[in-house]
Amino acid sequence: MHTIQAAHRKGEGMAKPVHAALGGVWIKCNFCQGDLFRDREVKLNSSGMEFMSLGWANESATGLICWSCGYVHLFVNKDIELYKQRKD
């Protein structure tokens, strides 16, 4: 179990790291000031919609998970721009 947790922390087996910008401003982590993230769509579920079995219709957000510390940032703004990290 220790090996799996260590690999997860190093970003192995996860999505490729991305840089992100919104309105021409580069996004940095609120906690550690890192600038690399992995992204994923996050559903913003509401109990009322779930109760009526309409969870699929809930609004979505872009989740940016800091590559360094794991802090999760949520953006509902659809204008967020993602850039793959360049290979050196």
N, C-alpha and C. Protein backbone atom coordinates (compact mmCIF):
# COMPACT_ATOMS: atom_id res chain seq x y z
N MET A 1 0.82 -1.20 0.00
CA MET A 1 0.00 0.00 0.00
C MET A 1 0.86 1.26 0.00
N HIS A 2 1.97 1.22 0.67
CA HIS A 2 2.88 2.37 0.69
C HIS A 2 3.35 2.74 -0.71
N THR A 3 3.64 1.76 -1.53
CA THR A 3 4.12 1.99 -2.89
C THR A 3 3.07 2.70 -3.73
N ILE A 4 1.82 2.29 -3.63
CA ILE A 4 0.74 2.91 -4.39
C ILE A 4 0.57 4.37 -4.00
N GLN A 5 0.59 4.66 -2.71
CA GLN A 5 0.44 6.04 -2.26
C GLN A 5 1.61 6.90 -2.73
N ALA A 6 2.82 6.38 -2.67
CA ALA A 6 3.98 7.15 -3.10
C ALA A 6 3.91 7.44 -4.60
N ALA A 7 3.50 6.46 -5.40
CA ALA A 7 3.38 6.68 -6.84
C ALA A 7 2.31 7.71 -7.13
N HIS A 8 1.21 7.68 -6.40
CA HIS A 8 0.13 8.65 -6.60
C HIS A 8 0.62 10.06 -6.31
N ARG A 9 1.41 10.24 -5.28
CA ARG A 9 1.90 11.57 -4.94
C ARG A 9 2.85 12.12 -5.99
N LYS A 10 3.58 11.27 -6.66
CA LYS A 10 4.53 11.72 -7.68
C LYS A 10 3.87 11.97 -9.02
N GLY A 11 2.57 11.70 -9.15
CA GLY A 11 1.88 11.97 -10.39
C GLY A 11 1.97 10.84 -11.40
N GLU A 12 2.47 9.68 -10.99
CA GLU A 12 2.60 8.57 -11.92
C GLU A 12 1.24 7.96 -12.20
N GLY A 13 0.98 7.64 -13.46
CA GLY A 13 -0.28 7.00 -13.83
C GLY A 13 -1.45 7.96 -13.90
N MET A 14 -1.20 9.24 -13.83
CA MET A 14 -2.28 10.22 -13.88
C MET A 14 -2.20 10.98 -15.20
N ALA A 15 -3.15 11.88 -15.40
CA ALA A 15 -3.19 12.71 -16.59
C ALA A 15 -1.91 13.53 -16.71
N LYS A 16 -1.62 13.97 -17.92
CA LYS A 16 -0.44 14.80 -18.18
C LYS A 16 -0.61 16.16 -17.50
N PRO A 17 0.48 16.74 -16.99
CA PRO A 17 0.38 18.05 -16.35
C PRO A 17 0.07 19.15 -17.36
N VAL A 18 -0.70 20.14 -16.90
CA VAL A 18 -1.04 21.28 -17.74
C VAL A 18 -0.79 22.58 -16.98
N HIS A 19 -0.56 23.64 -17.75
CA HIS A 19 -0.57 25.01 -17.22
C HIS A 19 -1.96 25.54 -17.55
N ALA A 20 -2.44 26.52 -16.79
CA ALA A 20 -3.79 27.05 -17.02
C ALA A 20 -3.77 28.57 -16.93
N ALA A 21 -4.65 29.18 -17.72
CA ALA A 21 -4.79 30.64 -17.71
C ALA A 21 -6.26 30.99 -17.82
N LEU A 22 -6.60 32.14 -17.28
CA LEU A 22 -7.96 32.66 -17.37
C LEU A 22 -7.86 34.16 -17.63
N GLY A 23 -8.40 34.60 -18.75
CA GLY A 23 -8.35 36.01 -19.10
C GLY A 23 -6.93 36.53 -19.25
N GLY A 24 -6.03 35.69 -19.75
CA GLY A 24 -4.65 36.11 -19.95
C GLY A 24 -3.79 36.08 -18.68
N VAL A 25 -4.34 35.62 -17.57
CA VAL A 25 -3.60 35.54 -16.31
C VAL A 25 -3.30 34.08 -16.00
N TRP A 26 -2.01 33.76 -15.81
CA TRP A 26 -1.62 32.39 -15.48
C TRP A 26 -2.10 32.05 -14.08
N ILE A 27 -2.62 30.86 -13.93
CA ILE A 27 -3.15 30.41 -12.64
C ILE A 27 -2.05 29.72 -11.86
N LYS A 28 -1.95 30.05 -10.57
CA LYS A 28 -1.02 29.40 -9.65
C LYS A 28 -1.83 28.82 -8.49
N CYS A 29 -1.29 27.80 -7.89
CA CYS A 29 -1.95 27.16 -6.76
C CYS A 29 -2.09 28.13 -5.60
N ASN A 30 -3.26 28.16 -4.99
CA ASN A 30 -3.51 29.03 -3.84
C ASN A 30 -2.71 28.63 -2.62
N PHE A 31 -2.29 27.37 -2.54
CA PHE A 31 -1.59 26.88 -1.36
C PHE A 31 -0.08 26.94 -1.50
N CYS A 32 0.46 26.34 -2.59
CA CYS A 32 1.92 26.24 -2.72
C CYS A 32 2.51 27.10 -3.84
N GLN A 33 1.67 27.79 -4.60
CA GLN A 33 2.08 28.64 -5.71
C GLN A 33 2.63 27.86 -6.90
N GLY A 34 2.39 26.54 -6.94
CA GLY A 34 2.78 25.73 -8.10
C GLY A 34 1.99 26.14 -9.33
N ASP A 35 2.52 25.84 -10.50
CA ASP A 35 1.83 26.24 -11.74
C ASP A 35 1.51 25.07 -12.66
N LEU A 36 1.65 23.84 -12.15
CA LEU A 36 1.29 22.65 -12.92
C LEU A 36 0.09 21.97 -12.26
N PHE A 37 -0.85 21.55 -13.10
CA PHE A 37 -2.08 20.94 -12.60
C PHE A 37 -2.44 19.74 -13.45
N ARG A 38 -3.32 18.90 -12.93
CA ARG A 38 -4.03 17.95 -13.77
C ARG A 38 -5.48 18.40 -13.74
N ASP A 39 -6.18 18.20 -14.82
CA ASP A 39 -7.53 18.74 -14.91
C ASP A 39 -8.55 17.61 -15.03
N ARG A 40 -9.76 17.93 -14.61
CA ARG A 40 -10.88 17.00 -14.77
C ARG A 40 -12.18 17.76 -14.64
N GLU A 41 -13.21 17.23 -15.27
CA GLU A 41 -14.54 17.81 -15.16
C GLU A 41 -15.13 17.39 -13.82
N VAL A 42 -15.77 18.33 -13.14
CA VAL A 42 -16.38 18.07 -11.84
C VAL A 42 -17.84 18.47 -11.91
N LYS A 43 -18.74 17.57 -11.53
CA LYS A 43 -20.17 17.88 -11.50
C LYS A 43 -20.49 18.60 -10.19
N LEU A 44 -21.24 19.68 -10.28
CA LEU A 44 -21.67 20.44 -9.11
C LEU A 44 -23.08 19.99 -8.75
N ASN A 45 -23.17 18.82 -8.14
CA ASN A 45 -24.46 18.21 -7.85
C ASN A 45 -25.23 18.97 -6.79
N SER A 46 -26.54 19.05 -6.99
CA SER A 46 -27.43 19.63 -5.99
C SER A 46 -28.36 18.52 -5.50
N SER A 47 -28.74 18.58 -4.24
CA SER A 47 -29.57 17.52 -3.67
C SER A 47 -30.94 17.46 -4.36
N GLY A 48 -31.49 18.60 -4.75
CA GLY A 48 -32.80 18.61 -5.41
C GLY A 48 -32.77 17.89 -6.74
N MET A 49 -31.74 18.15 -7.54
CA MET A 49 -31.62 17.50 -8.84
C MET A 49 -31.34 16.00 -8.66
N GLU A 50 -30.54 15.65 -7.68
CA GLU A 50 -30.27 14.24 -7.42
C GLU A 50 -31.55 13.53 -6.97
N PHE A 51 -32.34 14.19 -6.13
CA PHE A 51 -33.58 13.61 -5.63
C PHE A 51 -34.54 13.29 -6.78
N MET A 52 -34.54 14.15 -7.81
CA MET A 52 -35.43 13.94 -8.96
C MET A 52 -34.75 13.12 -10.06
N SER A 53 -33.62 12.50 -9.76
CA SER A 53 -32.85 11.70 -10.71
C SER A 53 -32.41 12.51 -11.94
N LEU A 54 -32.12 13.79 -11.71
CA LEU A 54 -31.66 14.67 -12.79
C LEU A 54 -30.23 15.14 -12.56
N GLY A 55 -29.44 14.34 -11.85
CA GLY A 55 -28.06 14.71 -11.56
C GLY A 55 -27.24 15.00 -12.79
N TRP A 56 -27.56 14.33 -13.90
CA TRP A 56 -26.84 14.54 -15.15
C TRP A 56 -26.98 15.97 -15.65
N ALA A 57 -28.03 16.68 -15.23
CA ALA A 57 -28.28 18.04 -15.73
C ALA A 57 -27.61 19.11 -14.88
N ASN A 58 -26.95 18.73 -13.81
CA ASN A 58 -26.26 19.70 -12.97
C ASN A 58 -25.13 20.38 -13.72
N GLU A 59 -24.79 21.57 -13.28
CA GLU A 59 -23.70 22.33 -13.88
C GLU A 59 -22.36 21.64 -13.64
N SER A 60 -21.42 21.85 -14.55
CA SER A 60 -20.07 21.29 -14.42
C SER A 60 -19.06 22.40 -14.18
N ALA A 61 -17.93 22.03 -13.60
CA ALA A 61 -16.83 22.96 -13.40
C ALA A 61 -15.55 22.26 -13.87
N THR A 62 -14.52 23.06 -14.13
CA THR A 62 -13.21 22.51 -14.43
C THR A 62 -12.45 22.44 -13.12
N GLY A 63 -12.02 21.25 -12.76
CA GLY A 63 -11.21 21.07 -11.56
C GLY A 63 -9.75 21.06 -11.94
N LEU A 64 -8.96 21.89 -11.29
CA LEU A 64 -7.51 21.89 -11.47
C LEU A 64 -6.91 21.39 -10.17
N ILE A 65 -6.20 20.27 -10.24
CA ILE A 65 -5.60 19.67 -9.06
C ILE A 65 -4.10 19.93 -9.13
N CYS A 66 -3.59 20.64 -8.13
CA CYS A 66 -2.18 21.02 -8.13
C CYS A 66 -1.30 19.78 -8.19
N TRP A 67 -0.36 19.79 -9.13
CA TRP A 67 0.54 18.66 -9.34
C TRP A 67 1.46 18.48 -8.13
N SER A 68 1.79 19.58 -7.43
CA SER A 68 2.74 19.51 -6.31
C SER A 68 2.10 19.12 -4.99
N CYS A 69 1.00 19.80 -4.63
CA CYS A 69 0.45 19.58 -3.29
C CYS A 69 -0.94 18.94 -3.27
N GLY A 70 -1.63 18.90 -4.42
CA GLY A 70 -2.94 18.26 -4.48
C GLY A 70 -4.12 19.15 -4.17
N TYR A 71 -3.89 20.42 -3.91
CA TYR A 71 -4.99 21.35 -3.63
C TYR A 71 -5.91 21.42 -4.86
N VAL A 72 -7.22 21.38 -4.62
CA VAL A 72 -8.20 21.36 -5.71
C VAL A 72 -8.79 22.75 -5.90
N HIS A 73 -8.72 23.26 -7.14
CA HIS A 73 -9.29 24.54 -7.51
C HIS A 73 -10.46 24.25 -8.46
N LEU A 74 -11.58 24.93 -8.29
CA LEU A 74 -12.74 24.74 -9.17
C LEU A 74 -13.04 26.04 -9.92
N PHE A 75 -13.28 25.90 -11.23
CA PHE A 75 -13.60 27.04 -12.08
C PHE A 75 -14.85 26.72 -12.88
N VAL A 76 -15.89 27.54 -12.70
CA VAL A 76 -17.11 27.37 -13.48
C VAL A 76 -16.98 28.12 -14.80
N ASN A 77 -16.12 29.10 -14.85
CA ASN A 77 -15.89 29.89 -16.06
C ASN A 77 -15.43 28.98 -17.19
N LYS A 78 -16.12 29.02 -18.30
CA LYS A 78 -15.79 28.16 -19.45
C LYS A 78 -14.63 28.69 -20.28
N ASP A 79 -14.12 29.88 -19.96
CA ASP A 79 -13.04 30.48 -20.74
C ASP A 79 -11.65 30.08 -20.26
N ILE A 80 -11.58 29.17 -19.31
CA ILE A 80 -10.28 28.73 -18.81
C ILE A 80 -9.52 28.04 -19.95
N GLU A 81 -8.24 28.34 -20.07
CA GLU A 81 -7.41 27.78 -21.14
C GLU A 81 -6.37 26.84 -20.52
N LEU A 82 -6.24 25.66 -21.10
CA LEU A 82 -5.28 24.66 -20.61
C LEU A 82 -4.18 24.46 -21.64
N TYR A 83 -2.95 24.39 -21.18
CA TYR A 83 -1.79 24.22 -22.05
C TYR A 83 -0.96 23.05 -21.55
N LYS A 84 -0.71 22.08 -22.43
CA LYS A 84 0.13 20.95 -22.06
C LYS A 84 1.55 21.44 -21.79
N GLN A 85 2.19 20.80 -20.84
CA GLN A 85 3.57 21.14 -20.51
C GLN A 85 4.47 20.73 -21.66
N ARG A 86 5.37 21.59 -22.04
CA ARG A 86 6.32 21.28 -23.12
C ARG A 86 7.34 20.27 -22.65
N LYS A 87 7.74 19.39 -23.54
CA LYS A 87 8.82 18.44 -23.25
C LYS A 87 10.14 19.13 -23.57
N ASP A 88 11.08 19.04 -22.64
CA ASP A 88 12.40 19.66 -22.85
C ASP A 88 13.31 18.77 -23.65
